[in-house]
């Protein structure tokens, strides 16, 4: 049985059970963020389309992550394939500013690296 990190219970990296820590545990699993990101950017995908869009993901890992993300109600499976739920899309939209911030962070790190002897 596939389980997901649950708010209110200890998760990897935190014994507090804070909902944000459960979310970060879930999204920190291999390919979880990539799957959600792909579905939000491209729209519904079949298993094979999603596997191709994600690149080097194995079918076993993809299947496991799909089950976890479905249990977390971030994605669903309909007749046209897997798709982000309204809650998954809302999360994606909340993460977009962090994506912008990460570009600035990468730039600062690259500048600092260039300054090192």
Protein backbone atom coordinates (compact mmCIF):
# COMPACT_ATOMS: atom_id res chain seq x y z
CA UNK A 1 0.00 0.00 0.00
CA UNK A 2 1.36 3.39 -0.96
CA UNK A 3 1.33 5.96 1.82
CA UNK A 4 1.80 9.69 1.69
CA UNK A 5 3.16 12.11 4.27
CA UNK A 6 0.21 13.19 6.38
CA UNK A 7 -0.17 16.49 8.24
CA UNK A 8 -0.25 15.86 11.98
CA UNK A 9 2.16 12.94 11.87
CA UNK A 10 5.97 12.93 11.85
CA UNK A 11 7.56 13.01 8.38
CA UNK A 12 11.10 12.88 6.99
CA UNK A 13 13.05 15.77 8.45
CA UNK A 14 10.40 16.82 10.97
CA UNK A 15 8.71 15.36 14.00
CA UNK A 16 6.29 18.30 14.29
CA UNK A 17 3.64 17.08 11.88
CA UNK A 18 3.28 20.60 10.46
CA UNK A 19 1.33 20.51 7.18
CA UNK A 20 4.12 22.37 5.33
CA UNK A 21 6.63 19.72 6.37
CA UNK A 22 4.34 16.94 5.11
CA UNK A 23 3.96 18.79 1.81
CA UNK A 24 7.72 19.27 1.46
CA UNK A 25 8.27 15.60 2.25
CA UNK A 26 5.83 14.61 -0.50
CA UNK A 27 7.19 17.07 -3.07
CA UNK A 28 10.76 16.14 -2.15
CA UNK A 29 10.30 12.56 -3.28
CA UNK A 30 12.01 11.65 -6.54
CA UNK A 31 10.06 13.04 -9.50
CA UNK A 32 7.00 14.16 -7.50
CA UNK A 33 7.56 17.85 -8.22
CA UNK A 34 8.48 17.11 -11.84
CA UNK A 35 5.27 15.18 -12.42
CA UNK A 36 3.06 17.89 -10.94
CA UNK A 37 4.98 20.61 -12.81
CA UNK A 38 4.65 18.74 -16.12
CA UNK A 39 0.92 18.15 -15.73
CA UNK A 40 0.31 21.81 -14.86
CA UNK A 41 2.35 23.05 -17.81
CA UNK A 42 1.26 20.57 -20.49
CA UNK A 43 -2.21 19.55 -19.36
CA UNK A 44 -3.54 15.98 -19.24
CA UNK A 45 -1.10 13.21 -20.15
CA UNK A 46 -1.36 9.47 -20.49
CA UNK A 47 1.12 7.36 -18.52
CA UNK A 48 3.35 6.99 -21.59
CA UNK A 49 3.19 10.70 -22.44
CA UNK A 50 4.05 11.62 -18.88
CA UNK A 51 6.94 9.16 -18.86
CA UNK A 52 8.27 10.67 -22.11
CA UNK A 53 7.83 14.24 -20.81
CA UNK A 54 9.68 13.43 -17.60
CA UNK A 55 12.66 11.89 -19.36
CA UNK A 56 14.54 9.30 -17.35
CA UNK A 57 11.81 8.30 -14.89
CA UNK A 58 11.30 4.57 -14.54
CA UNK A 59 7.80 3.12 -14.92
CA UNK A 60 7.93 1.85 -11.32
CA UNK A 61 8.81 5.25 -9.85
CA UNK A 62 6.25 6.99 -12.07
CA UNK A 63 3.52 4.58 -11.00
CA UNK A 64 4.40 5.05 -7.31
CA UNK A 65 4.47 8.86 -7.54
CA UNK A 66 1.19 8.93 -9.47
CA UNK A 67 -0.46 6.90 -6.72
CA UNK A 68 0.96 9.18 -4.02
CA UNK A 69 -0.04 12.38 -5.81
CA UNK A 70 -3.53 10.98 -6.37
CA UNK A 71 -3.86 10.08 -2.68
CA UNK A 72 -2.72 13.62 -1.85
CA UNK A 73 -5.46 14.91 -4.19
CA UNK A 74 -2.96 16.92 -6.26
CA UNK A 75 -3.62 14.94 -9.45
CA UNK A 76 -6.46 12.81 -10.77
CA UNK A 77 -6.96 10.29 -13.54
CA UNK A 78 -9.70 10.91 -16.08
CA UNK A 79 -10.47 9.43 -19.48
CA UNK A 80 -7.85 11.61 -21.19
CA UNK A 81 -5.10 10.72 -18.72
CA UNK A 82 -3.59 12.19 -15.59
CA UNK A 83 -4.18 15.83 -14.80
CA UNK A 84 -3.62 18.29 -11.99
CA UNK A 85 -6.61 18.82 -9.71
CA UNK A 86 -7.71 22.36 -8.83
CA UNK A 87 -5.68 22.00 -5.61
CA UNK A 88 -2.65 20.81 -7.61
CA UNK A 89 -2.97 23.78 -9.96
CA UNK A 90 -3.27 26.14 -7.00
CA UNK A 91 -0.08 24.68 -5.52
CA UNK A 92 1.68 25.07 -8.88
CA UNK A 93 0.64 28.74 -9.01
CA UNK A 94 1.94 29.26 -5.48
CA UNK A 95 5.27 27.67 -6.46
CA UNK A 96 5.76 29.84 -9.57
CA UNK A 97 7.12 32.80 -7.56
CA UNK A 98 9.58 30.45 -5.86
CA UNK A 99 10.67 29.39 -9.34
CA UNK A 100 11.36 33.04 -10.17
CA UNK A 101 13.24 33.50 -6.92
CA UNK A 102 15.34 30.40 -7.63
CA UNK A 103 16.52 31.99 -10.89
CA UNK A 104 17.78 35.02 -8.95
CA UNK A 105 19.43 32.74 -6.41
CA UNK A 106 21.18 30.79 -9.18
CA UNK A 107 22.45 34.07 -10.64
CA UNK A 108 23.88 35.19 -7.27
CA UNK A 109 25.58 31.84 -6.75
CA UNK A 110 27.07 31.95 -10.25
CA UNK A 111 28.39 35.49 -9.65
CA UNK A 112 29.95 34.42 -6.35
CA UNK A 113 31.53 31.40 -8.03
CA UNK A 114 33.05 33.66 -10.70
CA UNK A 115 34.59 35.87 -7.99
CA UNK A 116 36.36 32.97 -6.28
CA UNK A 117 40.06 32.53 -7.12
